Amino acid sequence: MRLLETKQLTIRFGGLTAVDHVDLVVNKGEIVGLIGPNGSGKTTIFNMVTGIYTPTEGEILFGGQPIHGAKPHVITERGISRTFQNIRLFQSLSVMENVLIGCHCRMKQNFFDDLLATKKFLHEESQARRTAIELLDVFGLLDLQHETARNLPYGLQRKLEIVRALASKPELLLLDEPAAGMNPQESLALMALIRQVRDRGVTVLLVEHDMKVVMGICERIAVLNYGRKIAEGTAAEIQSNEEVIQAYLGRQAKTGA
């Protein structure tokens, strides 16, 4: 079943075409990788899918329904969540508070419910705390729930960001370079975490430069270069594709990346 689909997705900034007629399909339950050189349009696609940018041309379908041009909060409510290349936790808040913030987009309470502490408010707050505790427990962060986010090691901050994204109960999770800055041990732990996320029924679309992570967990990989999709296939197919080797993988090998 197709969960996310882009059709001829294009965006131009002035005279620059950053993404050029990209067709991409992410099926429910998959882990899909999106790779390519810096500036190839990967994060720009994420920004269009999540409503930060509006495409110049083309369509974005989620669950068969168009979402291109929708506001970011509407897209989150529809079931898409993301992380960013640079960690965007609320560093001065606790681990628990960060996850509770992720829960709030699903709440229906209004200002007066909050002000008057109505039954609706108390029920939703209690539900959110139960959700947060369950997620922190499943992903091994419950013992750190009262710790300030900035005090966590880098790898655990990355994990917390993913858990906070999951608190919004997404069907699709977009991960933008989650392994950036990680050491090999942290990257291995990240791979296990992403598989765990998928096993909970969440589909994953991943942008990543660490090829060990991409080749190790992605069932399909799409490759961008200069805003265009130049290849798509399994890890083995991508690793043996001459155009991909020339545009990206060969360059990484030469630089030792």
C-alpha atoms as a PDB file:
ATOM      1  CA  MET A   1       0.000   0.000   0.000  1.00  0.00           C
ATOM      2  CA  ARG A   2       1.352   3.409  -1.005  1.00  0.00           C
ATOM      3  CA  LEU A   3       1.611   5.670   2.028  1.00  0.00           C
ATOM      4  CA  LEU A   4       3.582   8.601   0.571  1.00  0.00           C
ATOM      5  CA  GLU A   5       3.882   9.431  -3.104  1.00  0.00           C
ATOM      6  CA  THR A   6       5.405  12.380  -4.911  1.00  0.00           C
ATOM      7  CA  LYS A   7       4.550  12.958  -8.552  1.00  0.00           C
ATOM      8  CA  GLN A   8       6.801  15.160 -10.675  1.00  0.00           C
ATOM      9  CA  LEU A   9       7.723  17.073  -7.507  1.00  0.00           C
ATOM     10  CA  THR A  10       9.528  20.300  -8.397  1.00  0.00           C
ATOM     11  CA  ILE A  11      10.578  23.449  -6.577  1.00  0.00           C
ATOM     12  CA  ARG A  12      12.427  26.478  -7.906  1.00  0.00           C
ATOM     13  CA  PHE A  13      14.068  29.277  -5.962  1.00  0.00           C
ATOM     14  CA  GLY A  14      14.461  32.122  -8.421  1.00  0.00           C
ATOM     15  CA  GLY A  15      16.359  30.645 -11.354  1.00  0.00           C
ATOM     16  CA  LEU A  16      17.551  27.595  -9.407  1.00  0.00           C
ATOM     17  CA  THR A  17      15.676  24.304  -9.688  1.00  0.00           C
ATOM     18  CA  ALA A  18      16.394  22.599  -6.372  1.00  0.00           C
ATOM     19  CA  VAL A  19      14.155  19.556  -6.949  1.00  0.00           C
ATOM     20  CA  ASP A  20      13.362  18.580 -10.521  1.00  0.00           C
ATOM     21  CA  HIS A  21      10.321  16.389 -11.321  1.00  0.00           C
ATOM     22  CA  VAL A  22      10.971  13.717  -8.682  1.00  0.00           C
ATOM     23  CA  ASP A  23       8.700  10.683  -8.471  1.00  0.00           C
ATOM     24  CA  LEU A  24       9.015   8.809  -5.185  1.00  0.00           C
ATOM     25  CA  VAL A  25       6.896   6.119  -3.510  1.00  0.00           C
ATOM     26  CA  VAL A  26       7.119   4.999   0.124  1.00  0.00           C
ATOM     27  CA  ASN A  27       4.982   1.968   0.916  1.00  0.00           C
ATOM     28  CA  LYS A  28       3.421   1.352   4.313  1.00  0.00           C
ATOM     29  CA  GLY A  29       5.813  -0.516   6.616  1.00  0.00           C
ATOM     30  CA  GLU A  30       8.995   0.223   4.642  1.00  0.00           C
ATOM     31  CA  ILE A  31      12.293   1.794   5.603  1.00  0.00           C
ATOM     32  CA  VAL A  32      13.326   3.835   2.551  1.00  0.00           C
ATOM     33  CA  GLY A  33      16.566   5.758   2.139  1.00  0.00           C
ATOM     34  CA  LEU A  34      17.045   9.002   0.217  1.00  0.00           C
ATOM     35  CA  ILE A  35      20.707   9.683  -0.542  1.00  0.00           C
ATOM     36  CA  GLY A  36      22.853  11.939  -2.698  1.00  0.00           C
ATOM     37  CA  PRO A  37      25.549  14.619  -2.560  1.00  0.00           C
ATOM     38  CA  ASN A  38      25.128  17.772  -0.499  1.00  0.00           C
ATOM     39  CA  GLY A  39      22.770  20.140  -2.292  1.00  0.00           C
ATOM     40  CA  SER A  40      21.047  17.371  -4.262  1.00  0.00           C
ATOM     41  CA  GLY A  41      17.601  18.240  -2.862  1.00  0.00           C
ATOM     42  CA  LYS A  42      17.075  15.654  -0.109  1.00  0.00           C
ATOM     43  CA  THR A  43      16.196  17.981   2.778  1.00  0.00           C
ATOM     44  CA  THR A  44      14.260  20.211   0.366  1.00  0.00           C
ATOM     45  CA  ILE A  45      11.993  17.237  -0.377  1.00  0.00           C
ATOM     46  CA  PHE A  46      11.511  16.743   3.373  1.00  0.00           C
ATOM     47  CA  ASN A  47      10.626  20.417   3.689  1.00  0.00           C
ATOM     48  CA  MET A  48       7.985  20.113   0.965  1.00  0.00           C
ATOM     49  CA  VAL A  49       6.505  16.928   2.443  1.00  0.00           C
ATOM     50  CA  THR A  50       6.202  18.582   5.866  1.00  0.00           C
ATOM     51  CA  GLY A  51       4.730  21.839   4.561  1.00  0.00           C
ATOM     52  CA  ILE A  52       7.691  24.145   5.143  1.00  0.00           C
ATOM     53  CA  TYR A  53       7.976  24.720   1.377  1.00  0.00           C
ATOM     54  CA  THR A  54       5.199  24.675  -1.217  1.00  0.00           C
ATOM     55  CA  PRO A  55       6.131  22.885  -4.472  1.00  0.00           C
ATOM     56  CA  THR A  56       6.358  24.913  -7.651  1.00  0.00           C
ATOM     57  CA  GLU A  57       4.981  21.931  -9.590  1.00  0.00           C
ATOM     58  CA  GLY A  58       3.846  18.404  -8.890  1.00  0.00           C
ATOM     59  CA  GLU A  59       1.896  16.600  -6.207  1.00  0.00           C
ATOM     60  CA  ILE A  60       2.467  15.074  -2.782  1.00  0.00           C
ATOM     61  CA  LEU A  61      -0.022  12.393  -1.769  1.00  0.00           C
ATOM     62  CA  PHE A  62      -0.270  10.909   1.717  1.00  0.00           C
ATOM     63  CA  GLY A  63      -2.640   7.982   2.071  1.00  0.00           C
ATOM     64  CA  GLY A  64      -3.860   8.853  -1.432  1.00  0.00           C
ATOM     65  CA  GLN A  65      -4.852  12.404  -0.422  1.00  0.00           C
ATOM     66  CA  PRO A  66      -3.029  15.568  -1.573  1.00  0.00           C
ATOM     67  CA  ILE A  67      -1.074  17.413   1.125  1.00  0.00           C
ATOM     68  CA  HIS A  68       1.101  19.772  -0.954  1.00  0.00           C
ATOM     69  CA  GLY A  69       0.556  23.320   0.199  1.00  0.00           C
ATOM     70  CA  ALA A  70      -0.934  22.307   3.569  1.00  0.00           C
ATOM     71  CA  LYS A  71       0.379  23.976   6.738  1.00  0.00           C
ATOM     72  CA  PRO A  72       2.977  22.049   8.797  1.00  0.00           C
ATOM     73  CA  HIS A  73       0.627  21.547  11.767  1.00  0.00           C
ATOM     74  CA  VAL A  74      -2.047  20.113   9.459  1.00  0.00           C
ATOM     75  CA  ILE A  75       0.451  17.661   7.978  1.00  0.00           C
ATOM     76  CA  THR A  76       1.548  16.630  11.485  1.00  0.00           C
ATOM     77  CA  GLU A  77      -2.090  16.021  12.409  1.00  0.00           C
ATOM     78  CA  ARG A  78      -2.471  13.904   9.253  1.00  0.00           C
ATOM     79  CA  GLY A  79       0.284  11.591  10.522  1.00  0.00           C
ATOM     80  CA  ILE A  80       3.722  12.778   9.365  1.00  0.00           C
ATOM     81  CA  SER A  81       6.471  13.677  11.828  1.00  0.00           C
ATOM     82  CA  ARG A  82      10.164  14.468  11.367  1.00  0.00           C
ATOM     83  CA  THR A  83      13.499  15.061  12.987  1.00  0.00           C
ATOM     84  CA  PHE A  84      16.136  17.552  11.836  1.00  0.00           C
ATOM     85  CA  GLN A  85      19.820  17.335  10.949  1.00  0.00           C
ATOM     86  CA  ASN A  86      20.603  19.661  13.848  1.00  0.00           C
ATOM     87  CA  ILE A  87      19.085  18.481  17.128  1.00  0.00           C
ATOM     88  CA  ARG A  88      16.086  20.643  18.039  1.00  0.00           C
ATOM     89  CA  LEU A  89      15.236  19.538  21.540  1.00  0.00           C
ATOM     90  CA  PHE A  90      14.062  21.946  24.211  1.00  0.00           C
ATOM     91  CA  GLN A  91      17.427  21.773  25.916  1.00  0.00           C
ATOM     92  CA  SER A  92      16.390  23.349  29.222  1.00  0.00           C
ATOM     93  CA  LEU A  93      13.367  21.056  29.658  1.00  0.00           C
ATOM     94  CA  SER A  94      13.372  17.536  31.016  1.00  0.00           C
ATOM     95  CA  VAL A  95      13.267  14.366  28.954  1.00  0.00           C
ATOM     96  CA  MET A  96       9.623  13.844  30.001  1.00  0.00           C
ATOM     97  CA  GLU A  97       8.652  17.424  29.135  1.00  0.00           C
ATOM     98  CA  ASN A  98      10.166  17.099  25.659  1.00  0.00           C
ATOM     99  CA  VAL A  99       8.102  13.990  24.950  1.00  0.00           C
ATOM    100  CA  LEU A 100       4.929  15.561  26.358  1.00  0.00           C
ATOM    101  CA  ILE A 101       5.373  18.441  23.905  1.00  0.00           C
ATOM    102  CA  GLY A 102       5.305  15.856  21.120  1.00  0.00           C
ATOM    103  CA  CYS A 103       1.988  14.553  22.475  1.00  0.00           C
ATOM    104  CA  HIS A 104       0.280  17.947  22.455  1.00  0.00           C
ATOM    105  CA  CYS A 105      -0.471  18.065  18.720  1.00  0.00           C
ATOM    106  CA  ARG A 106      -3.021  15.273  19.278  1.00  0.00           C
ATOM    107  CA  MET A 107      -4.841  17.097  22.076  1.00  0.00           C
ATOM    108  CA  LYS A 108      -8.209  18.787  21.492  1.00  0.00           C
ATOM    109  CA  GLN A 109      -8.201  21.015  24.573  1.00  0.00           C
ATOM    110  CA  ASN A 110      -8.480  24.794  24.180  1.00  0.00           C
ATOM    111  CA  PHE A 111      -7.327  27.803  26.201  1.00  0.00           C
ATOM    112  CA  PHE A 112     -10.323  27.683  28.542  1.00  0.00           C
ATOM    113  CA  ASP A 113      -9.898  23.948  29.196  1.00  0.00           C
ATOM    114  CA  ASP A 114      -6.336  24.709  30.225  1.00  0.00           C
ATOM    115  CA  LEU A 115      -7.247  27.770  32.289  1.00  0.00           C
ATOM    116  CA  LEU A 116     -10.097  26.047  34.135  1.00  0.00           C
ATOM    117  CA  ALA A 117      -8.484  22.604  34.350  1.00  0.00           C
ATOM    118  CA  THR A 118     -11.617  20.978  32.951  1.00  0.00           C
ATOM    119  CA  LYS A 119     -12.247  17.231  32.891  1.00  0.00           C
ATOM    120  CA  LYS A 120     -11.283  17.228  29.227  1.00  0.00           C
ATOM    121  CA  PHE A 121      -7.974  18.916  30.051  1.00  0.00           C
ATOM    122  CA  LEU A 122      -7.195  16.542  32.939  1.00  0.00           C
ATOM    123  CA  HIS A 123      -8.114  13.477  30.872  1.00  0.00           C
ATOM    124  CA  GLU A 124      -5.930  14.487  27.915  1.00  0.00           C
ATOM    125  CA  GLU A 125      -3.001  15.429  30.148  1.00  0.00           C
ATOM    126  CA  SER A 126      -3.247  12.053  31.898  1.00  0.00           C
ATOM    127  CA  GLN A 127      -3.404  10.271  28.544  1.00  0.00           C
ATOM    128  CA  ALA A 128      -0.379  12.195  27.254  1.00  0.00           C
ATOM    129  CA  ARG A 129       1.656  11.274  30.336  1.00  0.00           C
ATOM    130  CA  ARG A 130       0.751   7.592  29.904  1.00  0.00           C
ATOM    131  CA  THR A 131       1.840   7.768  26.251  1.00  0.00           C
ATOM    132  CA  ALA A 132       5.111   9.493  27.197  1.00  0.00           C
ATOM    133  CA  ILE A 133       5.895   6.959  29.931  1.00  0.00           C
ATOM    134  CA  GLU A 134       5.194   4.057  27.568  1.00  0.00           C
ATOM    135  CA  LEU A 135       7.457   5.480  24.846  1.00  0.00           C
ATOM    136  CA  LEU A 136      10.267   6.317  27.259  1.00  0.00           C
ATOM    137  CA  ASP A 137      10.036   2.821  28.727  1.00  0.00           C
ATOM    138  CA  VAL A 138      10.030   1.055  25.344  1.00  0.00           C
ATOM    139  CA  PHE A 139      13.010   3.054  24.105  1.00  0.00           C
ATOM    140  CA  GLY A 140      15.047   2.813  27.307  1.00  0.00           C
ATOM    141  CA  LEU A 141      14.797   6.425  28.493  1.00  0.00           C
ATOM    142  CA  LEU A 142      12.342   6.089  31.385  1.00  0.00           C
ATOM    143  CA  ASP A 143      15.047   6.183  34.063  1.00  0.00           C
ATOM    144  CA  LEU A 144      16.168   9.523  32.580  1.00  0.00           C
ATOM    145  CA  GLN A 145      12.706  11.130  32.465  1.00  0.00           C
ATOM    146  CA  HIS A 146      13.628  13.868  34.967  1.00  0.00           C
ATOM    147  CA  GLU A 147      17.040  14.591  33.415  1.00  0.00           C
ATOM    148  CA  THR A 148      17.470  17.906  31.588  1.00  0.00           C
ATOM    149  CA  ALA A 149      17.774  17.265  27.847  1.00  0.00           C
ATOM    150  CA  ARG A 150      21.051  19.180  27.474  1.00  0.00           C
ATOM    151  CA  ASN A 151      22.714  16.845  29.993  1.00  0.00           C
ATOM    152  CA  LEU A 152      22.160  13.730  27.888  1.00  0.00           C
ATOM    153  CA  PRO A 153      25.009  12.290  25.787  1.00  0.00           C
ATOM    154  CA  TYR A 154      24.739  13.110  22.085  1.00  0.00           C
ATOM    155  CA  GLY A 155      23.419   9.683  21.066  1.00  0.00           C
ATOM    156  CA  LEU A 156      20.676   9.804  23.689  1.00  0.00           C
ATOM    157  CA  GLN A 157      19.673  13.303  22.590  1.00  0.00           C
ATOM    158  CA  ARG A 158      19.182  11.898  19.087  1.00  0.00           C
ATOM    159  CA  LYS A 159      17.121   9.056  20.529  1.00  0.00           C
ATOM    160  CA  LEU A 160      15.018  11.505  22.552  1.00  0.00           C
ATOM    161  CA  GLU A 161      14.320  13.563  19.427  1.00  0.00           C
ATOM    162  CA  ILE A 162      13.022  10.429  17.665  1.00  0.00           C
ATOM    163  CA  VAL A 163      10.907   9.469  20.693  1.00  0.00           C
ATOM    164  CA  ARG A 164       9.440  12.989  20.806  1.00  0.00           C
ATOM    165  CA  ALA A 165       8.543  12.683  17.115  1.00  0.00           C
ATOM    166  CA  LEU A 166       6.851   9.341  17.813  1.00  0.00           C
ATOM    167  CA  ALA A 167       4.771  10.957  20.571  1.00  0.00           C
ATOM    168  CA  SER A 168       2.684  12.655  17.874  1.00  0.00           C
ATOM    169  CA  LYS A 169       1.634   9.129  16.761  1.00  0.00           C
ATOM    170  CA  PRO A 170       2.788   9.399  13.149  1.00  0.00           C
ATOM    171  CA  GLU A 171       2.217   6.877  10.395  1.00  0.00           C
ATOM    172  CA  LEU A 172       5.332   8.190   8.629  1.00  0.00           C
ATOM    173  CA  LEU A 173       8.542   9.345  10.291  1.00  0.00           C
ATOM    174  CA  LEU A 174      11.070  11.420   8.319  1.00  0.00           C
ATOM    175  CA  LEU A 175      14.607  11.204   9.708  1.00  0.00           C
ATOM    176  CA  ASP A 176      17.014  13.873   8.435  1.00  0.00           C
ATOM    177  CA  GLU A 177      20.593  12.631   8.942  1.00  0.00           C
ATOM    178  CA  PRO A 178      19.971  10.999  12.332  1.00  0.00           C
ATOM    179  CA  ALA A 179      23.490   9.506  12.401  1.00  0.00           C
ATOM    180  CA  ALA A 180      25.220  12.885  11.931  1.00  0.00           C
ATOM    181  CA  GLY A 181      27.927  13.267  14.562  1.00  0.00           C
ATOM    182  CA  MET A 182      27.548   9.730  15.892  1.00  0.00           C
ATOM    183  CA  ASN A 183      30.399   7.348  16.591  1.00  0.00           C
ATOM    184  CA  PRO A 184      30.224   3.751  15.215  1.00  0.00           C
ATOM    185  CA  GLN A 185      28.670   2.361  18.402  1.00  0.00           C
ATOM    186  CA  GLU A 186      25.988   5.057  18.433  1.00  0.00           C
ATOM    187  CA  SER A 187      25.270   4.407  14.741  1.00  0.00           C
ATOM    188  CA  LEU A 188      24.715   0.705  15.443  1.00  0.00           C
ATOM    189  CA  ALA A 189      22.338   1.607  18.263  1.00  0.00           C
ATOM    190  CA  LEU A 190      20.533   3.995  15.895  1.00  0.00           C
ATOM    191  CA  MET A 191      20.020   1.217  13.342  1.00  0.00           C
ATOM    192  CA  ALA A 192      18.431  -0.968  16.011  1.00  0.00           C
ATOM    193  CA  LEU A 193      16.248   1.960  17.094  1.00  0.00           C
ATOM    194  CA  ILE A 194      14.986   2.598  13.546  1.00  0.00           C
ATOM    195  CA  ARG A 195      14.091  -1.079  13.135  1.00  0.00           C
ATOM    196  CA  GLN A 196      12.274  -0.888  16.464  1.00  0.00           C
ATOM    197  CA  VAL A 197      10.327   2.157  15.232  1.00  0.00           C
ATOM    198  CA  ARG A 198       9.278   0.288  12.088  1.00  0.00           C
ATOM    199  CA  ASP A 199       8.295  -2.770  14.139  1.00  0.00           C
ATOM    200  CA  ARG A 200       5.849  -0.486  16.003  1.00  0.00           C
ATOM    201  CA  GLY A 201       4.037   0.120  12.690  1.00  0.00           C
ATOM    202  CA  VAL A 202       5.693   3.403  11.715  1.00  0.00           C
ATOM    203  CA  THR A 203       6.979   3.781   8.147  1.00  0.00           C
ATOM    204  CA  VAL A 204      10.395   5.477   7.858  1.00  0.00           C
ATOM    205  CA  LEU A 205      11.893   7.713   5.177  1.00  0.00           C
ATOM    206  CA  LEU A 206      15.547   8.382   5.913  1.00  0.00           C
ATOM    207  CA  VAL A 207      18.045  10.954   4.615  1.00  0.00           C
ATOM    208  CA  GLU A 208      21.531   9.928   5.629  1.00  0.00           C
ATOM    209  CA  HIS A 209      25.181  10.230   4.541  1.00  0.00           C
ATOM    210  CA  ASP A 210      26.407   7.273   6.624  1.00  0.00           C
ATOM    211  CA  MET A 211      26.300   4.514   4.019  1.00  0.00           C
ATOM    212  CA  LYS A 212      26.721   1.759   6.621  1.00  0.00           C
ATOM    213  CA  VAL A 213      23.452   2.900   8.194  1.00  0.00           C
ATOM    214  CA  VAL A 214      21.657   3.324   4.857  1.00  0.00           C
ATOM    215  CA  MET A 215      22.820   0.034   3.351  1.00  0.00           C
ATOM    216  CA  GLY A 216      22.272  -1.768   6.645  1.00  0.00           C
ATOM    217  CA  ILE A 217      18.603  -0.937   7.247  1.00  0.00           C
ATOM    218  CA  CYS A 218      16.928   0.422   4.093  1.00  0.00           C
ATOM    219  CA  GLU A 219      14.841  -1.945   2.002  1.00  0.00           C
ATOM    220  CA  ARG A 220      14.828   0.513  -0.906  1.00  0.00           C
ATOM    221  CA  ILE A 221      17.044   3.483  -1.675  1.00  0.00           C
ATOM    222  CA  ALA A 222      16.453   6.433  -4.015  1.00  0.00           C
ATOM    223  CA  VAL A 223      19.398   8.529  -5.187  1.00  0.00           C
ATOM    224  CA  LEU A 224      19.273  12.234  -6.032  1.00  0.00           C
ATOM    225  CA  ASN A 225      21.812  14.304  -7.945  1.00  0.00           C
ATOM    226  CA  TYR A 226      21.348  17.962  -8.860  1.00  0.00           C
ATOM    227  CA  GLY A 227      17.707  17.717  -7.810  1.00  0.00           C
ATOM    228  CA  ARG A 228      16.842  14.769 -10.052  1.00  0.00           C
ATOM    229  CA  LYS A 229      16.313  11.128  -9.126  1.00  0.00           C
ATOM    230  CA  ILE A 230      19.000   9.140 -10.924  1.00  0.00           C
ATOM    231  CA  ALA A 231      18.410   5.673  -9.469  1.00  0.00           C
ATOM    232  CA  GLU A 232      16.233   3.599  -7.178  1.00  0.00           C
ATOM    233  CA  GLY A 233      16.548   0.041  -5.927  1.00  0.00           C
ATOM    234  CA  THR A 234      17.837  -2.274  -3.238  1.00  0.00           C
ATOM    235  CA  ALA A 235      21.148  -1.656  -1.475  1.00  0.00           C
ATOM    236  CA  ALA A 236      22.889  -4.155  -3.765  1.00  0.00           C
ATOM    237  CA  GLU A 237      21.433  -2.530  -6.882  1.00  0.00           C
ATOM    238  CA  ILE A 238      22.434   0.960  -5.765  1.00  0.00           C
ATOM    239  CA  GLN A 239      25.967  -0.096  -4.827  1.00  0.00           C
ATOM    240  CA  SER A 240      26.502  -1.557  -8.312  1.00  0.00           C
ATOM    241  CA  ASN A 241      24.861   1.292 -10.264  1.00  0.00           C
ATOM    242  CA  GLU A 242      27.539   3.048 -12.327  1.00  0.00           C
ATOM    243  CA  GLU A 243      25.749   6.403 -12.400  1.00  0.00           C
ATOM    244  CA  VAL A 244      25.404   6.364  -8.607  1.00  0.00           C
ATOM    245  CA  ILE A 245      29.056   5.383  -8.151  1.00  0.00           C
ATOM    246  CA  GLN A 246      30.136   8.265 -10.380  1.00  0.00           C
ATOM    247  CA  ALA A 247      27.795  10.818  -8.795  1.00  0.00           C
ATOM    248  CA  TYR A 248      28.049   9.861  -5.142  1.00  0.00           C
ATOM    249  CA  LEU A 249      29.401   6.556  -3.869  1.00  0.00           C
ATOM    250  CA  GLY A 250      32.688   6.845  -5.739  1.00  0.00           C
ATOM    251  CA  ARG A 251      33.190  10.354  -4.405  1.00  0.00           C
ATOM    252  CA  GLN A 252      32.633   9.087  -0.865  1.00  0.00           C
ATOM    253  CA  ALA A 253      35.110   6.263  -1.359  1.00  0.00           C
ATOM    254  CA  LYS A 254      37.772   8.656  -2.587  1.00  0.00           C
ATOM    255  CA  THR A 255      37.350  10.956   0.365  1.00  0.00           C
ATOM    256  CA  GLY A 256      37.104   8.108   2.850  1.00  0.00           C
ATOM    257  CA  ALA A 257      33.580   9.215   3.866  1.00  0.00           C
END
